Amino acid sequence: MLGLYLSYAYNLAAGGLIVLVVTGVFIVCWLLAPRHGLLTARTHRRGHALAPDDVAAATAQPTDNTALVERTPAG
């Protein structure tokens, strides 16, 4: 919609502006993606950040005591 609005406001080709806006959105998403983004990959190489799964695993608390009890087979 933004590309279409810009094409109307500036009297330019709608198709070209739509493609440029969508490309811009893609680049922003690619840079900021939490798992596979370029900025995330850069911080992971330096060792400054943890993956979201690592953070969740490190902060997880058992919800009940059954996870703490060893179970022996019956019989």
PDB file of N, CA and C in Angstrom:
ATOM      1  N   MET A   1       0.808  -1.189   0.000  1.00  0.00           N
ATOM      2  CA  MET A   1       0.000   0.000   0.000  1.00  0.00           C
ATOM      3  C   MET A   1       0.863   1.269   0.000  1.00  0.00           C
ATOM      4  N   LEU A   2       1.999   1.195   0.688  1.00  0.00           N
ATOM      5  CA  LEU A   2       2.857   2.371   0.744  1.00  0.00           C
ATOM      6  C   LEU A   2       3.414   2.703  -0.643  1.00  0.00           C
ATOM      7  N   GLY A   3       3.812   1.682  -1.391  1.00  0.00           N
ATOM      8  CA  GLY A   3       4.314   1.918  -2.739  1.00  0.00           C
ATOM      9  C   GLY A   3       3.263   2.517  -3.646  1.00  0.00           C
ATOM     10  N   LEU A   4       2.045   2.056  -3.503  1.00  0.00           N
ATOM     11  CA  LEU A   4       0.952   2.587  -4.311  1.00  0.00           C
ATOM     12  C   LEU A   4       0.655   4.040  -3.938  1.00  0.00           C
ATOM     13  N   TYR A   5       0.686   4.343  -2.648  1.00  0.00           N
ATOM     14  CA  TYR A   5       0.470   5.718  -2.215  1.00  0.00           C
ATOM     15  C   TYR A   5       1.580   6.635  -2.718  1.00  0.00           C
ATOM     16  N   LEU A   6       2.836   6.187  -2.609  1.00  0.00           N
ATOM     17  CA  LEU A   6       3.960   6.998  -3.082  1.00  0.00           C
ATOM     18  C   LEU A   6       3.875   7.235  -4.585  1.00  0.00           C
ATOM     19  N   SER A   7       3.450   6.217  -5.324  1.00  0.00           N
ATOM     20  CA  SER A   7       3.335   6.394  -6.772  1.00  0.00           C
ATOM     21  C   SER A   7       2.266   7.426  -7.109  1.00  0.00           C
ATOM     22  N   TYR A   8       1.183   7.448  -6.361  1.00  0.00           N
ATOM     23  CA  TYR A   8       0.128   8.434  -6.587  1.00  0.00           C
ATOM     24  C   TYR A   8       0.595   9.831  -6.179  1.00  0.00           C
ATOM     25  N   ALA A   9       1.257   9.925  -5.027  1.00  0.00           N
ATOM     26  CA  ALA A   9       1.662  11.228  -4.493  1.00  0.00           C
ATOM     27  C   ALA A   9       2.732  11.892  -5.355  1.00  0.00           C
ATOM     28  N   TYR A  10       3.652  11.106  -5.898  1.00  0.00           N
ATOM     29  CA  TYR A  10       4.766  11.668  -6.669  1.00  0.00           C
ATOM     30  C   TYR A  10       4.627  11.449  -8.174  1.00  0.00           C
ATOM     31  N   ASN A  11       3.489  10.891  -8.598  1.00  0.00           N
ATOM     32  CA  ASN A  11       3.190  10.679 -10.009  1.00  0.00           C
ATOM     33  C   ASN A  11       4.281   9.840 -10.690  1.00  0.00           C
ATOM     34  N   LEU A  12       4.589   8.695 -10.064  1.00  0.00           N
ATOM     35  CA  LEU A  12       5.591   7.772 -10.588  1.00  0.00           C
ATOM     36  C   LEU A  12       4.943   6.422 -10.868  1.00  0.00           C
ATOM     37  N   ALA A  13       5.699   5.526 -11.470  1.00  0.00           N
ATOM     38  CA  ALA A  13       5.183   4.197 -11.822  1.00  0.00           C
ATOM     39  C   ALA A  13       4.866   3.397 -10.555  1.00  0.00           C
ATOM     40  N   ALA A  14       3.654   2.845 -10.510  1.00  0.00           N
ATOM     41  CA  ALA A  14       3.210   2.114  -9.325  1.00  0.00           C
ATOM     42  C   ALA A  14       3.999   0.825  -9.130  1.00  0.00           C
ATOM     43  N   GLY A  15       4.209   0.081 -10.201  1.00  0.00           N
ATOM     44  CA  GLY A  15       4.897  -1.206 -10.092  1.00  0.00           C
ATOM     45  C   GLY A  15       6.306  -1.067  -9.548  1.00  0.00           C
ATOM     46  N   GLY A  16       7.035  -0.092 -10.060  1.00  0.00           N
ATOM     47  CA  GLY A  16       8.405   0.108  -9.612  1.00  0.00           C
ATOM     48  C   GLY A  16       8.487   0.494  -8.147  1.00  0.00           C
ATOM     49  N   LEU A  17       7.605   1.391  -7.715  1.00  0.00           N
ATOM     50  CA  LEU A  17       7.637   1.800  -6.306  1.00  0.00           C
ATOM     51  C   LEU A  17       7.175   0.688  -5.375  1.00  0.00           C
ATOM     52  N   ILE A  18       6.224  -0.115  -5.807  1.00  0.00           N
ATOM     53  CA  ILE A  18       5.795  -1.253  -4.994  1.00  0.00           C
ATOM     54  C   ILE A  18       6.959  -2.219  -4.809  1.00  0.00           C
ATOM     55  N   VAL A  19       7.697  -2.499  -5.871  1.00  0.00           N
ATOM     56  CA  VAL A  19       8.846  -3.398  -5.781  1.00  0.00           C
ATOM     57  C   VAL A  19       9.922  -2.802  -4.873  1.00  0.00           C
ATOM     58  N   LEU A  20      10.183  -1.514  -4.971  1.00  0.00           N
ATOM     59  CA  LEU A  20      11.188  -0.891  -4.118  1.00  0.00           C
ATOM     60  C   LEU A  20      10.794  -0.919  -2.642  1.00  0.00           C
ATOM     61  N   VAL A  21       9.526  -0.674  -2.348  1.00  0.00           N
ATOM     62  CA  VAL A  21       9.073  -0.704  -0.959  1.00  0.00           C
ATOM     63  C   VAL A  21       9.158  -2.121  -0.393  1.00  0.00           C
ATOM     64  N   VAL A  22       8.726  -3.097  -1.156  1.00  0.00           N
ATOM     65  CA  VAL A  22       8.784  -4.483  -0.692  1.00  0.00           C
ATOM     66  C   VAL A  22      10.237  -4.929  -0.503  1.00  0.00           C
ATOM     67  N   THR A  23      11.128  -4.504  -1.392  1.00  0.00           N
ATOM     68  CA  THR A  23      12.545  -4.822  -1.239  1.00  0.00           C
ATOM     69  C   THR A  23      13.103  -4.186   0.028  1.00  0.00           C
ATOM     70  N   GLY A  24      12.719  -2.958   0.304  1.00  0.00           N
ATOM     71  CA  GLY A  24      13.161  -2.299   1.530  1.00  0.00           C
ATOM     72  C   GLY A  24      12.674  -3.025   2.778  1.00  0.00           C
ATOM     73  N   VAL A  25      11.424  -3.467   2.776  1.00  0.00           N
ATOM     74  CA  VAL A  25      10.881  -4.220   3.905  1.00  0.00           C
ATOM     75  C   VAL A  25      11.639  -5.531   4.071  1.00  0.00           C
ATOM     76  N   PHE A  26      11.931  -6.214   2.968  1.00  0.00           N
ATOM     77  CA  PHE A  26      12.684  -7.466   3.024  1.00  0.00           C
ATOM     78  C   PHE A  26      14.066  -7.246   3.629  1.00  0.00           C
ATOM     79  N   ILE A  27      14.761  -6.197   3.220  1.00  0.00           N
ATOM     80  CA  ILE A  27      16.107  -5.935   3.722  1.00  0.00           C
ATOM     81  C   ILE A  27      16.079  -5.647   5.225  1.00  0.00           C
ATOM     82  N   VAL A  28      15.104  -4.873   5.669  1.00  0.00           N
ATOM     83  CA  VAL A  28      14.988  -4.592   7.103  1.00  0.00           C
ATOM     84  C   VAL A  28      14.715  -5.876   7.882  1.00  0.00           C
ATOM     85  N   CYS A  29      13.816  -6.707   7.381  1.00  0.00           N
ATOM     86  CA  CYS A  29      13.519  -7.984   8.051  1.00  0.00           C
ATOM     87  C   CYS A  29      14.734  -8.895   8.057  1.00  0.00           C
ATOM     88  N   TRP A  30      15.479  -8.910   6.972  1.00  0.00           N
ATOM     89  CA  TRP A  30      16.673  -9.750   6.858  1.00  0.00           C
ATOM     90  C   TRP A  30      17.742  -9.301   7.848  1.00  0.00           C
ATOM     91  N   LEU A  31      17.887  -8.019   8.028  1.00  0.00           N
ATOM     92  CA  LEU A  31      18.881  -7.517   8.973  1.00  0.00           C
ATOM     93  C   LEU A  31      18.492  -7.797  10.421  1.00  0.00           C
ATOM     94  N   LEU A  32      17.219  -7.679  10.741  1.00  0.00           N
ATOM     95  CA  LEU A  32      16.778  -7.737  12.128  1.00  0.00           C
ATOM     96  C   LEU A  32      16.155  -9.058  12.548  1.00  0.00           C
ATOM     97  N   ALA A  33      16.160 -10.062  11.685  1.00  0.00           N
ATOM     98  CA  ALA A  33      15.553 -11.346  12.029  1.00  0.00           C
ATOM     99  C   ALA A  33      16.231 -11.937  13.265  1.00  0.00           C
ATOM    100  N   PRO A  34      15.460 -12.441  14.244  1.00  0.00           N
ATOM    101  CA  PRO A  34      16.059 -12.908  15.485  1.00  0.00           C
ATOM    102  C   PRO A  34      16.930 -14.158  15.345  1.00  0.00           C
ATOM    103  N   ARG A  35      16.672 -15.009  14.385  1.00  0.00           N
ATOM    104  CA  ARG A  35      17.472 -16.231  14.243  1.00  0.00           C
ATOM    105  C   ARG A  35      18.514 -16.156  13.142  1.00  0.00           C
ATOM    106  N   HIS A  36      18.114 -15.697  11.977  1.00  0.00           N
ATOM    107  CA  HIS A  36      18.995 -15.765  10.814  1.00  0.00           C
ATOM    108  C   HIS A  36      19.349 -14.399  10.250  1.00  0.00           C
ATOM    109  N   GLY A  37      19.113 -13.364  10.999  1.00  0.00           N
ATOM    110  CA  GLY A  37      19.414 -12.025  10.522  1.00  0.00           C
ATOM    111  C   GLY A  37      20.901 -11.737  10.489  1.00  0.00           C
ATOM    112  N   LEU A  38      21.293 -10.809   9.658  1.00  0.00           N
ATOM    113  CA  LEU A  38      22.709 -10.482   9.523  1.00  0.00           C
ATOM    114  C   LEU A  38      23.269  -9.846  10.795  1.00  0.00           C
ATOM    115  N   LEU A  39      22.505  -8.978  11.438  1.00  0.00           N
ATOM    116  CA  LEU A  39      22.990  -8.363  12.670  1.00  0.00           C
ATOM    117  C   LEU A  39      23.061  -9.378  13.801  1.00  0.00           C
ATOM    118  N   THR A  40      22.116 -10.297  13.855  1.00  0.00           N
ATOM    119  CA  THR A  40      22.143 -11.346  14.872  1.00  0.00           C
ATOM    120  C   THR A  40      23.338 -12.257  14.657  1.00  0.00           C
ATOM    121  N   ALA A  41      23.594 -12.620  13.408  1.00  0.00           N
ATOM    122  CA  ALA A  41      24.740 -13.481  13.112  1.00  0.00           C
ATOM    123  C   ALA A  41      26.050 -12.793  13.486  1.00  0.00           C
ATOM    124  N   ARG A  42      26.113 -11.501  13.291  1.00  0.00           N
ATOM    125  CA  ARG A  42      27.332 -10.766  13.629  1.00  0.00           C
ATOM    126  C   ARG A  42      27.581 -10.773  15.135  1.00  0.00           C
ATOM    127  N   THR A  43      26.542 -10.587  15.932  1.00  0.00           N
ATOM    128  CA  THR A  43      26.727 -10.608  17.381  1.00  0.00           C
ATOM    129  C   THR A  43      27.014 -12.013  17.887  1.00  0.00           C
ATOM    130  N   HIS A  44      26.492 -13.029  17.224  1.00  0.00           N
ATOM    131  CA  HIS A  44      26.772 -14.411  17.637  1.00  0.00           C
ATOM    132  C   HIS A  44      28.234 -14.766  17.380  1.00  0.00           C
ATOM    133  N   ARG A  45      28.796 -14.270  16.299  1.00  0.00           N
ATOM    134  CA  ARG A  45      30.202 -14.553  16.019  1.00  0.00           C
ATOM    135  C   ARG A  45      31.108 -13.952  17.078  1.00  0.00           C
ATOM    136  N   ARG A  46      30.708 -12.824  17.607  1.00  0.00           N
ATOM    137  CA  ARG A  46      31.510 -12.188  18.654  1.00  0.00           C
ATOM    138  C   ARG A  46      31.252 -12.808  20.018  1.00  0.00           C
ATOM    139  N   GLY A  47      30.217 -13.603  20.141  1.00  0.00           N
ATOM    140  CA  GLY A  47      29.907 -14.247  21.399  1.00  0.00           C
ATOM    141  C   GLY A  47      29.182 -13.363  22.394  1.00  0.00           C
ATOM    142  N   HIS A  48      28.499 -12.322  21.925  1.00  0.00           N
ATOM    143  CA  HIS A  48      27.825 -11.400  22.828  1.00  0.00           C
ATOM    144  C   HIS A  48      26.378 -11.780  23.101  1.00  0.00           C
ATOM    145  N   ALA A  49      25.814 -12.649  22.319  1.00  0.00           N
ATOM    146  CA  ALA A  49      24.389 -12.912  22.473  1.00  0.00           C
ATOM    147  C   ALA A  49      24.124 -14.405  22.498  1.00  0.00           C
ATOM    148  N   LEU A  50      23.035 -14.773  23.120  1.00  0.00           N
ATOM    149  CA  LEU A  50      22.577 -16.145  23.127  1.00  0.00           C
ATOM    150  C   LEU A  50      21.404 -16.281  22.183  1.00  0.00           C
ATOM    151  N   ALA A  51      21.265 -17.466  21.618  1.00  0.00           N
ATOM    152  CA  ALA A  51      20.106 -17.729  20.773  1.00  0.00           C
ATOM    153  C   ALA A  51      18.860 -17.740  21.661  1.00  0.00           C
ATOM    154  N   PRO A  52      17.692 -17.415  21.122  1.00  0.00           N
ATOM    155  CA  PRO A  52      16.479 -17.400  21.939  1.00  0.00           C
ATOM    156  C   PRO A  52      16.211 -18.742  22.622  1.00  0.00           C
ATOM    157  N   ASP A  53      16.534 -19.861  21.964  1.00  0.00           N
ATOM    158  CA  ASP A  53      16.334 -21.173  22.571  1.00  0.00           C
ATOM    159  C   ASP A  53      17.269 -21.378  23.750  1.00  0.00           C
ATOM    160  N   ASP A  54      18.507 -20.888  23.668  1.00  0.00           N
ATOM    161  CA  ASP A  54      19.453 -21.012  24.765  1.00  0.00           C
ATOM    162  C   ASP A  54      18.995 -20.223  25.979  1.00  0.00           C
ATOM    163  N   VAL A  55      18.461 -19.048  25.749  1.00  0.00           N
ATOM    164  CA  VAL A  55      17.972 -18.213  26.850  1.00  0.00           C
ATOM    165  C   VAL A  55      16.789 -18.896  27.516  1.00  0.00           C
ATOM    166  N   ALA A  56      15.880 -19.448  26.729  1.00  0.00           N
ATOM    167  CA  ALA A  56      14.710 -20.126  27.286  1.00  0.00           C
ATOM    168  C   ALA A  56      15.128 -21.358  28.079  1.00  0.00           C
ATOM    169  N   ALA A  57      16.096 -22.115  27.582  1.00  0.00           N
ATOM    170  CA  ALA A  57      16.553 -23.308  28.278  1.00  0.00           C
ATOM    171  C   ALA A  57      17.288 -22.943  29.571  1.00  0.00           C
ATOM    172  N   ALA A  58      18.027 -21.864  29.556  1.00  0.00           N
ATOM    173  CA  ALA A  58      18.789 -21.471  30.735  1.00  0.00           C
ATOM    174  C   ALA A  58      17.893 -20.933  31.841  1.00  0.00           C
ATOM    175  N   THR A  59      16.756 -20.375  31.491  1.00  0.00           N
ATOM    176  CA  THR A  59      15.882 -19.782  32.495  1.00  0.00           C
ATOM    177  C   THR A  59      14.679 -20.645  32.819  1.00  0.00           C
ATOM    178  N   ALA A  60      14.571 -21.826  32.228  1.00  0.00           N
ATOM    179  CA  ALA A  60      13.404 -22.685  32.445  1.00  0.00           C
ATOM    180  C   ALA A  60      13.418 -23.248  33.866  1.00  0.00           C
ATOM    181  N   GLN A  61      12.272 -23.275  34.477  1.00  0.00           N
ATOM    182  CA  GLN A  61      12.093 -23.848  35.806  1.00  0.00           C
ATOM    183  C   GLN A  61      11.133 -25.024  35.678  1.00  0.00           C
ATOM    184  N   PRO A  62      11.389 -26.114  36.398  1.00  0.00           N
ATOM    185  CA  PRO A  62      10.437 -27.231  36.347  1.00  0.00           C
ATOM    186  C   PRO A  62       9.089 -26.796  36.921  1.00  0.00           C
ATOM    187  N   THR A  63       8.029 -27.267  36.311  1.00  0.00           N
ATOM    188  CA  THR A  63       6.692 -26.862  36.752  1.00  0.00           C
ATOM    189  C   THR A  63       6.187 -27.716  37.904  1.00  0.00           C
ATOM    190  N   ASP A  64       6.728 -28.908  38.034  1.00  0.00           N
ATOM    191  CA  ASP A  64       6.340 -29.753  39.166  1.00  0.00           C
ATOM    192  C   ASP A  64       7.548 -30.587  39.593  1.00  0.00           C
ATOM    193  N   ASN A  65       7.403 -31.359  40.636  1.00  0.00           N
ATOM    194  CA  ASN A  65       8.526 -32.121  41.170  1.00  0.00           C
ATOM    195  C   ASN A  65       8.740 -33.447  40.473  1.00  0.00           C
ATOM    196  N   THR A  66       7.862 -33.854  39.564  1.00  0.00           N
ATOM    197  CA  THR A  66       8.032 -35.138  38.902  1.00  0.00           C
ATOM    198  C   THR A  66       9.257 -35.160  38.011  1.00  0.00           C
ATOM    199  N   ALA A  67       9.698 -34.016  37.545  1.00  0.00           N
ATOM    200  CA  ALA A  67      10.891 -33.981  36.698  1.00  0.00           C
ATOM    201  C   ALA A  67      12.155 -34.196  37.515  1.00  0.00           C
ATOM    202  N   LEU A  68      12.069 -34.004  38.833  1.00  0.00           N
ATOM    203  CA  LEU A  68      13.237 -34.135  39.678  1.00  0.00           C
ATOM    204  C   LEU A  68      13.390 -35.525  40.290  1.00  0.00           C
ATOM    205  N   VAL A  69      12.379 -36.353  40.194  1.00  0.00           N
ATOM    206  CA  VAL A  69      12.386 -37.673  40.815  1.00  0.00           C
ATOM    207  C   VAL A  69      12.817 -38.714  39.790  1.00  0.00           C
ATOM    208  N   GLU A  70      13.794 -39.569  40.179  1.00  0.00           N
ATOM    209  CA  GLU A  70      14.174 -40.659  39.283  1.00  0.00           C
ATOM    210  C   GLU A  70      13.123 -41.745  39.341  1.00  0.00           C
ATOM    211  N   ARG A  71      12.817 -42.272  38.205  1.00  0.00           N
ATOM    212  CA  ARG A  71      11.791 -43.327  38.153  1.00  0.00           C
ATOM    213  C   ARG A  71      12.478 -44.664  37.916  1.00  0.00           C
ATOM    214  N   THR A  72      12.056 -45.659  38.647  1.00  0.00           N
ATOM    215  CA  THR A  72      12.593 -47.009  38.463  1.00  0.00           C
ATOM    216  C   THR A  72      11.521 -47.869  37.828  1.00  0.00           C
ATOM    217  N   PRO A  73      11.940 -48.769  36.973  1.00  0.00           N
ATOM    218  CA  PRO A  73      10.943 -49.625  36.311  1.00  0.00           C
ATOM    219  C   PRO A  73      10.279 -50.554  37.333  1.00  0.00           C
ATOM    220  N   ALA A  74       9.004 -50.783  37.155  1.00  0.00           N
ATOM    221  CA  ALA A  74       8.266 -51.649  38.057  1.00  0.00           C
ATOM    222  C   ALA A  74       8.570 -53.108  37.748  1.00  0.00           C
ATOM    223  N   GLY A  75       8.695 -53.884  38.824  1.00  0.00           N
ATOM    224  CA  GLY A  75       8.777 -55.321  38.646  1.00  0.00           C
ATOM    225  C   GLY A  75      10.057 -55.902  38.813  1.00  0.00           C
TER     226      GLY A  75
END
